[in-house]
Amino acid sequence: MLEHFRRKFQWVELNADEVIEAARGISALGLLGGMIYDALLLACARKAAAERIYTWNERHFKLVAPDLAERIVAP
């Protein structure tokens, strides 16, 4: 199954500077805890120029990345 997904999806990696930038961004917004994972996912989406970002947690994603709000939707 993993090999199937590996061939079907575009893989996005963040370098150390991009991870630090995501952490700084979340800190500047005054957000804490698990929202750093949302920030990292959104940094990947931004890097990949994703047209749509699907999540069950639209509210948190939009708080973390208001600039991507129009692309963030529930599945």
PDB file of N, CA and C in Angstrom:
ATOM      1  N   MET A   1       0.829  -1.188   0.000  1.00  0.00           N
ATOM      2  CA  MET A   1       0.000   0.000   0.000  1.00  0.00           C
ATOM      3  C   MET A   1       0.873   1.251   0.000  1.00  0.00           C
ATOM      4  N   LEU A   2       1.929   1.241   0.803  1.00  0.00           N
ATOM      5  CA  LEU A   2       2.805   2.407   0.857  1.00  0.00           C
ATOM      6  C   LEU A   2       3.469   2.692  -0.486  1.00  0.00           C
ATOM      7  N   GLU A   3       3.863   1.642  -1.181  1.00  0.00           N
ATOM      8  CA  GLU A   3       4.462   1.829  -2.505  1.00  0.00           C
ATOM      9  C   GLU A   3       3.461   2.448  -3.475  1.00  0.00           C
ATOM     10  N   HIS A   4       2.210   2.055  -3.367  1.00  0.00           N
ATOM     11  CA  HIS A   4       1.157   2.638  -4.207  1.00  0.00           C
ATOM     12  C   HIS A   4       1.074   4.142  -3.961  1.00  0.00           C
ATOM     13  N   PHE A   5       1.008   4.549  -2.705  1.00  0.00           N
ATOM     14  CA  PHE A   5       0.914   5.970  -2.381  1.00  0.00           C
ATOM     15  C   PHE A   5       2.181   6.720  -2.779  1.00  0.00           C
ATOM     16  N   ARG A   6       3.295   6.068  -2.623  1.00  0.00           N
ATOM     17  CA  ARG A   6       4.572   6.700  -2.970  1.00  0.00           C
ATOM     18  C   ARG A   6       4.591   7.107  -4.441  1.00  0.00           C
ATOM     19  N   ARG A   7       4.018   6.291  -5.293  1.00  0.00           N
ATOM     20  CA  ARG A   7       3.999   6.585  -6.726  1.00  0.00           C
ATOM     21  C   ARG A   7       2.921   7.601  -7.099  1.00  0.00           C
ATOM     22  N   LYS A   8       1.870   7.709  -6.307  1.00  0.00           N
ATOM     23  CA  LYS A   8       0.725   8.538  -6.668  1.00  0.00           C
ATOM     24  C   LYS A   8       0.805   9.989  -6.188  1.00  0.00           C
ATOM     25  N   PHE A   9       1.590  10.235  -5.146  1.00  0.00           N
ATOM     26  CA  PHE A   9       1.604  11.558  -4.537  1.00  0.00           C
ATOM     27  C   PHE A   9       2.915  12.283  -4.760  1.00  0.00           C
ATOM     28  N   GLN A  10       2.800  13.591  -4.762  1.00  0.00           N
ATOM     29  CA  GLN A  10       3.996  14.429  -4.786  1.00  0.00           C
ATOM     30  C   GLN A  10       4.483  14.547  -3.344  1.00  0.00           C
ATOM     31  N   TRP A  11       5.729  14.214  -3.105  1.00  0.00           N
ATOM     32  CA  TRP A  11       6.289  14.286  -1.761  1.00  0.00           C
ATOM     33  C   TRP A  11       6.952  15.640  -1.576  1.00  0.00           C
ATOM     34  N   VAL A  12       6.684  16.265  -0.436  1.00  0.00           N
ATOM     35  CA  VAL A  12       7.230  17.585  -0.144  1.00  0.00           C
ATOM     36  C   VAL A  12       8.027  17.493   1.139  1.00  0.00           C
ATOM     37  N   GLU A  13       9.232  18.009   1.105  1.00  0.00           N
ATOM     38  CA  GLU A  13      10.083  18.022   2.290  1.00  0.00           C
ATOM     39  C   GLU A  13      10.403  19.460   2.656  1.00  0.00           C
ATOM     40  N   LEU A  14      10.427  19.717   3.945  1.00  0.00           N
ATOM     41  CA  LEU A  14      10.851  21.026   4.437  1.00  0.00           C
ATOM     42  C   LEU A  14      12.289  20.923   4.905  1.00  0.00           C
ATOM     43  N   ASN A  15      13.089  21.941   4.593  1.00  0.00           N
ATOM     44  CA  ASN A  15      14.443  21.962   5.130  1.00  0.00           C
ATOM     45  C   ASN A  15      14.411  22.630   6.505  1.00  0.00           C
ATOM     46  N   ALA A  16      15.530  22.670   7.171  1.00  0.00           N
ATOM     47  CA  ALA A  16      15.591  23.200   8.539  1.00  0.00           C
ATOM     48  C   ALA A  16      15.107  24.647   8.601  1.00  0.00           C
ATOM     49  N   ASP A  17      15.492  25.465   7.637  1.00  0.00           N
ATOM     50  CA  ASP A  17      15.065  26.868   7.642  1.00  0.00           C
ATOM     51  C   ASP A  17      13.550  26.996   7.504  1.00  0.00           C
ATOM     52  N   GLU A  18      12.952  26.143   6.693  1.00  0.00           N
ATOM     53  CA  GLU A  18      11.502  26.182   6.505  1.00  0.00           C
ATOM     54  C   GLU A  18      10.766  25.729   7.767  1.00  0.00           C
ATOM     55  N   VAL A  19      11.314  24.768   8.475  1.00  0.00           N
ATOM     56  CA  VAL A  19      10.712  24.321   9.736  1.00  0.00           C
ATOM     57  C   VAL A  19      10.791  25.445  10.765  1.00  0.00           C
ATOM     58  N   ILE A  20      11.942  26.091  10.854  1.00  0.00           N
ATOM     59  CA  ILE A  20      12.109  27.198  11.799  1.00  0.00           C
ATOM     60  C   ILE A  20      11.165  28.346  11.444  1.00  0.00           C
ATOM     61  N   GLU A  21      11.019  28.636  10.165  1.00  0.00           N
ATOM     62  CA  GLU A  21      10.110  29.696   9.727  1.00  0.00           C
ATOM     63  C   GLU A  21       8.667  29.378  10.125  1.00  0.00           C
ATOM     64  N   ALA A  22       8.253  28.121   9.969  1.00  0.00           N
ATOM     65  CA  ALA A  22       6.900  27.715  10.369  1.00  0.00           C
ATOM     66  C   ALA A  22       6.723  27.883  11.876  1.00  0.00           C
ATOM     67  N   ALA A  23       7.729  27.514  12.654  1.00  0.00           N
ATOM     68  CA  ALA A  23       7.663  27.661  14.113  1.00  0.00           C
ATOM     69  C   ALA A  23       7.591  29.137  14.502  1.00  0.00           C
ATOM     70  N   ARG A  24       8.369  29.955  13.844  1.00  0.00           N
ATOM     71  CA  ARG A  24       8.319  31.405  14.121  1.00  0.00           C
ATOM     72  C   ARG A  24       6.947  31.979  13.786  1.00  0.00           C
ATOM     73  N   GLY A  25       6.392  31.535  12.679  1.00  0.00           N
ATOM     74  CA  GLY A  25       5.083  32.040  12.266  1.00  0.00           C
ATOM     75  C   GLY A  25       4.000  31.685  13.267  1.00  0.00           C
ATOM     76  N   ILE A  26       4.007  30.465  13.745  1.00  0.00           N
ATOM     77  CA  ILE A  26       2.994  30.035  14.713  1.00  0.00           C
ATOM     78  C   ILE A  26       3.173  30.775  16.029  1.00  0.00           C
ATOM     79  N   SER A  27       4.433  30.998  16.408  1.00  0.00           N
ATOM     80  CA  SER A  27       4.726  31.730  17.635  1.00  0.00           C
ATOM     81  C   SER A  27       4.256  33.180  17.531  1.00  0.00           C
ATOM     82  N   ALA A  28       4.489  33.790  16.386  1.00  0.00           N
ATOM     83  CA  ALA A  28       4.073  35.183  16.173  1.00  0.00           C
ATOM     84  C   ALA A  28       2.556  35.336  16.255  1.00  0.00           C
ATOM     85  N   LEU A  29       1.837  34.287  15.903  1.00  0.00           N
ATOM     86  CA  LEU A  29       0.375  34.322  15.983  1.00  0.00           C
ATOM     87  C   LEU A  29      -0.130  34.020  17.394  1.00  0.00           C
ATOM     88  N   GLY A  30       0.787  33.642  18.290  1.00  0.00           N
ATOM     89  CA  GLY A  30       0.397  33.316  19.656  1.00  0.00           C
ATOM     90  C   GLY A  30      -0.285  31.966  19.781  1.00  0.00           C
ATOM     91  N   LEU A  31      -0.046  31.085  18.825  1.00  0.00           N
ATOM     92  CA  LEU A  31      -0.670  29.769  18.840  1.00  0.00           C
ATOM     93  C   LEU A  31       0.301  28.760  19.441  1.00  0.00           C
ATOM     94  N   LEU A  32      -0.251  27.734  20.077  1.00  0.00           N
ATOM     95  CA  LEU A  32       0.577  26.798  20.832  1.00  0.00           C
ATOM     96  C   LEU A  32       0.302  25.352  20.468  1.00  0.00           C
ATOM     97  N   GLY A  33       1.127  24.477  21.036  1.00  0.00           N
ATOM     98  CA  GLY A  33       0.885  23.038  21.044  1.00  0.00           C
ATOM     99  C   GLY A  33       0.851  22.395  19.672  1.00  0.00           C
ATOM    100  N   GLY A  34      -0.148  21.548  19.508  1.00  0.00           N
ATOM    101  CA  GLY A  34      -0.271  20.746  18.311  1.00  0.00           C
ATOM    102  C   GLY A  34      -0.479  21.538  17.034  1.00  0.00           C
ATOM    103  N   MET A  35      -0.758  22.817  17.154  1.00  0.00           N
ATOM    104  CA  MET A  35      -0.953  23.626  15.951  1.00  0.00           C
ATOM    105  C   MET A  35       0.350  23.774  15.164  1.00  0.00           C
ATOM    106  N   ILE A  36       1.490  23.449  15.780  1.00  0.00           N
ATOM    107  CA  ILE A  36       2.745  23.460  15.031  1.00  0.00           C
ATOM    108  C   ILE A  36       2.673  22.425  13.917  1.00  0.00           C
ATOM    109  N   TYR A  37       1.995  21.300  14.149  1.00  0.00           N
ATOM    110  CA  TYR A  37       1.848  20.289  13.100  1.00  0.00           C
ATOM    111  C   TYR A  37       1.010  20.837  11.941  1.00  0.00           C
ATOM    112  N   ASP A  38      -0.029  21.591  12.285  1.00  0.00           N
ATOM    113  CA  ASP A  38      -0.821  22.239  11.244  1.00  0.00           C
ATOM    114  C   ASP A  38       0.061  23.195  10.446  1.00  0.00           C
ATOM    115  N   ALA A  39       0.895  23.956  11.142  1.00  0.00           N
ATOM    116  CA  ALA A  39       1.787  24.913  10.481  1.00  0.00           C
ATOM    117  C   ALA A  39       2.758  24.198   9.540  1.00  0.00           C
ATOM    118  N   LEU A  40       3.274  23.056   9.967  1.00  0.00           N
ATOM    119  CA  LEU A  40       4.204  22.300   9.120  1.00  0.00           C
ATOM    120  C   LEU A  40       3.497  21.741   7.884  1.00  0.00           C
ATOM    121  N   LEU A  41       2.290  21.226   8.078  1.00  0.00           N
ATOM    122  CA  LEU A  41       1.519  20.733   6.934  1.00  0.00           C
ATOM    123  C   LEU A  41       1.206  21.861   5.954  1.00  0.00           C
ATOM    124  N   LEU A  42       0.851  23.007   6.487  1.00  0.00           N
ATOM    125  CA  LEU A  42       0.534  24.140   5.629  1.00  0.00           C
ATOM    126  C   LEU A  42       1.774  24.693   4.943  1.00  0.00           C
ATOM    127  N   ALA A  43       2.926  24.612   5.590  1.00  0.00           N
ATOM    128  CA  ALA A  43       4.174  25.015   4.944  1.00  0.00           C
ATOM    129  C   ALA A  43       4.450  24.104   3.745  1.00  0.00           C
ATOM    130  N   CYS A  44       4.164  22.830   3.895  1.00  0.00           N
ATOM    131  CA  CYS A  44       4.314  21.886   2.778  1.00  0.00           C
ATOM    132  C   CYS A  44       3.333  22.224   1.663  1.00  0.00           C
ATOM    133  N   ALA A  45       2.098  22.512   2.018  1.00  0.00           N
ATOM    134  CA  ALA A  45       1.081  22.863   1.022  1.00  0.00           C
ATOM    135  C   ALA A  45       1.484  24.130   0.275  1.00  0.00           C
ATOM    136  N   ARG A  46       1.995  25.102   1.007  1.00  0.00           N
ATOM    137  CA  ARG A  46       2.445  26.350   0.394  1.00  0.00           C
ATOM    138  C   ARG A  46       3.614  26.067  -0.559  1.00  0.00           C
ATOM    139  N   LYS A  47       4.569  25.279  -0.120  1.00  0.00           N
ATOM    140  CA  LYS A  47       5.745  24.948  -0.932  1.00  0.00           C
ATOM    141  C   LYS A  47       5.345  24.211  -2.212  1.00  0.00           C
ATOM    142  N   ALA A  48       4.340  23.361  -2.117  1.00  0.00           N
ATOM    143  CA  ALA A  48       3.876  22.602  -3.274  1.00  0.00           C
ATOM    144  C   ALA A  48       2.885  23.388  -4.133  1.00  0.00           C
ATOM    145  N   ALA A  49       2.556  24.596  -3.712  1.00  0.00           N
ATOM    146  CA  ALA A  49       1.572  25.420  -4.417  1.00  0.00           C
ATOM    147  C   ALA A  49       0.242  24.669  -4.571  1.00  0.00           C
ATOM    148  N   ALA A  50      -0.197  24.056  -3.478  1.00  0.00           N
ATOM    149  CA  ALA A  50      -1.443  23.279  -3.490  1.00  0.00           C
ATOM    150  C   ALA A  50      -2.636  24.172  -3.839  1.00  0.00           C
ATOM    151  N   GLU A  51      -3.466  23.668  -4.721  1.00  0.00           N
ATOM    152  CA  GLU A  51      -4.668  24.409  -5.102  1.00  0.00           C
ATOM    153  C   GLU A  51      -5.768  24.257  -4.062  1.00  0.00           C
ATOM    154  N   ARG A  52      -5.831  23.088  -3.410  1.00  0.00           N
ATOM    155  CA  ARG A  52      -6.808  22.797  -2.356  1.00  0.00           C
ATOM    156  C   ARG A  52      -6.077  22.134  -1.201  1.00  0.00           C
ATOM    157  N   ILE A  53      -6.518  22.473   0.002  1.00  0.00           N
ATOM    158  CA  ILE A  53      -5.964  21.880   1.211  1.00  0.00           C
ATOM    159  C   ILE A  53      -7.142  21.323   1.997  1.00  0.00           C
ATOM    160  N   TYR A  54      -7.209  20.005   2.078  1.00  0.00           N
ATOM    161  CA  TYR A  54      -8.328  19.350   2.747  1.00  0.00           C
ATOM    162  C   TYR A  54      -7.977  19.034   4.196  1.00  0.00           C
ATOM    163  N   THR A  55      -8.912  19.367   5.084  1.00  0.00           N
ATOM    164  CA  THR A  55      -8.727  19.079   6.503  1.00  0.00           C
ATOM    165  C   THR A  55     -10.092  18.984   7.181  1.00  0.00           C
ATOM    166  N   TRP A  56     -10.131  18.204   8.263  1.00  0.00           N
ATOM    167  CA  TRP A  56     -11.334  18.159   9.095  1.00  0.00           C
ATOM    168  C   TRP A  56     -11.292  19.290  10.106  1.00  0.00           C
ATOM    169  N   ASN A  57     -10.224  20.035  10.140  1.00  0.00           N
ATOM    170  CA  ASN A  57     -10.050  21.092  11.130  1.00  0.00           C
ATOM    171  C   ASN A  57      -9.797  22.438  10.432  1.00  0.00           C
ATOM    172  N   GLU A  58     -10.771  22.870   9.662  1.00  0.00           N
ATOM    173  CA  GLU A  58     -10.641  24.107   8.898  1.00  0.00           C
ATOM    174  C   GLU A  58     -10.284  25.304   9.786  1.00  0.00           C
ATOM    175  N   ARG A  59     -10.930  25.395  10.938  1.00  0.00           N
ATOM    176  CA  ARG A  59     -10.728  26.549  11.813  1.00  0.00           C
ATOM    177  C   ARG A  59      -9.267  26.725  12.196  1.00  0.00           C
ATOM    178  N   HIS A  60      -8.621  25.648  12.650  1.00  0.00           N
ATOM    179  CA  HIS A  60      -7.209  25.745  13.044  1.00  0.00           C
ATOM    180  C   HIS A  60      -6.324  26.064  11.842  1.00  0.00           C
ATOM    181  N   PHE A  61      -6.561  25.409  10.726  1.00  0.00           N
ATOM    182  CA  PHE A  61      -5.741  25.652   9.546  1.00  0.00           C
ATOM    183  C   PHE A  61      -5.850  27.115   9.108  1.00  0.00           C
ATOM    184  N   LYS A  62      -7.057  27.654   9.145  1.00  0.00           N
ATOM    185  CA  LYS A  62      -7.245  29.052   8.733  1.00  0.00           C
ATOM    186  C   LYS A  62      -6.627  30.029   9.725  1.00  0.00           C
ATOM    187  N   LEU A  63      -6.587  29.668  11.008  1.00  0.00           N
ATOM    188  CA  LEU A  63      -5.889  30.501  11.995  1.00  0.00           C
ATOM    189  C   LEU A  63      -4.384  30.507  11.730  1.00  0.00           C
ATOM    190  N   VAL A  64      -3.847  29.361  11.394  1.00  0.00           N
ATOM    191  CA  VAL A  64      -2.413  29.211  11.165  1.00  0.00           C
ATOM    192  C   VAL A  64      -1.982  29.874   9.858  1.00  0.00           C
ATOM    193  N   ALA A  65      -2.800  29.784   8.828  1.00  0.00           N
ATOM    194  CA  ALA A  65      -2.429  30.313   7.510  1.00  0.00           C
ATOM    195  C   ALA A  65      -3.583  31.089   6.884  1.00  0.00           C
ATOM    196  N   PRO A  66      -3.859  32.280   7.412  1.00  0.00           N
ATOM    197  CA  PRO A  66      -4.966  33.059   6.853  1.00  0.00           C
ATOM    198  C   PRO A  66      -4.784  33.379   5.366  1.00  0.00           C
ATOM    199  N   ASP A  67      -3.533  33.422   4.916  1.00  0.00           N
ATOM    200  CA  ASP A  67      -3.278  33.692   3.500  1.00  0.00           C
ATOM    201  C   ASP A  67      -3.718  32.537   2.596  1.00  0.00           C
ATOM    202  N   LEU A  68      -3.892  31.366   3.157  1.00  0.00           N
ATOM    203  CA  LEU A  68      -4.339  30.200   2.389  1.00  0.00           C
ATOM    204  C   LEU A  68      -5.810  29.866   2.630  1.00  0.00           C
ATOM    205  N   ALA A  69      -6.522  30.691   3.387  1.00  0.00           N
ATOM    206  CA  ALA A  69      -7.890  30.398   3.826  1.00  0.00           C
ATOM    207  C   ALA A  69      -8.821  30.008   2.674  1.00  0.00           C
ATOM    208  N   GLU A  70      -8.683  30.654   1.541  1.00  0.00           N
ATOM    209  CA  GLU A  70      -9.596  30.359   0.414  1.00  0.00           C
ATOM    210  C   GLU A  70      -9.355  28.965  -0.176  1.00  0.00           C
ATOM    211  N   ARG A  71      -8.190  28.387   0.086  1.00  0.00           N
ATOM    212  CA  ARG A  71      -7.864  27.054  -0.444  1.00  0.00           C
ATOM    213  C   ARG A  71      -8.188  25.940   0.562  1.00  0.00           C
ATOM    214  N   ILE A  72      -8.431  26.297   1.812  1.00  0.00           N
ATOM    215  CA  ILE A  72      -8.649  25.313   2.886  1.00  0.00           C
ATOM    216  C   ILE A  72     -10.122  24.925   2.928  1.00  0.00           C
ATOM    217  N   VAL A  73     -10.387  23.638   2.753  1.00  0.00           N
ATOM    218  CA  VAL A  73     -11.768  23.152   2.730  1.00  0.00           C
ATOM    219  C   VAL A  73     -11.868  21.801   3.455  1.00  0.00           C
ATOM    220  N   ALA A  74     -13.062  21.500   3.888  1.00  0.00           N
ATOM    221  CA  ALA A  74     -13.336  20.176   4.467  1.00  0.00           C
ATOM    222  C   ALA A  74     -13.528  19.175   3.346  1.00  0.00           C
ATOM    223  N   PRO A  75     -13.159  17.916   3.581  1.00  0.00           N
ATOM    224  CA  PRO A  75     -13.330  16.898   2.526  1.00  0.00           C
ATOM    225  C   PRO A  75     -14.803  16.649   2.203  1.00  0.00           C
TER     226      PRO A  75
END
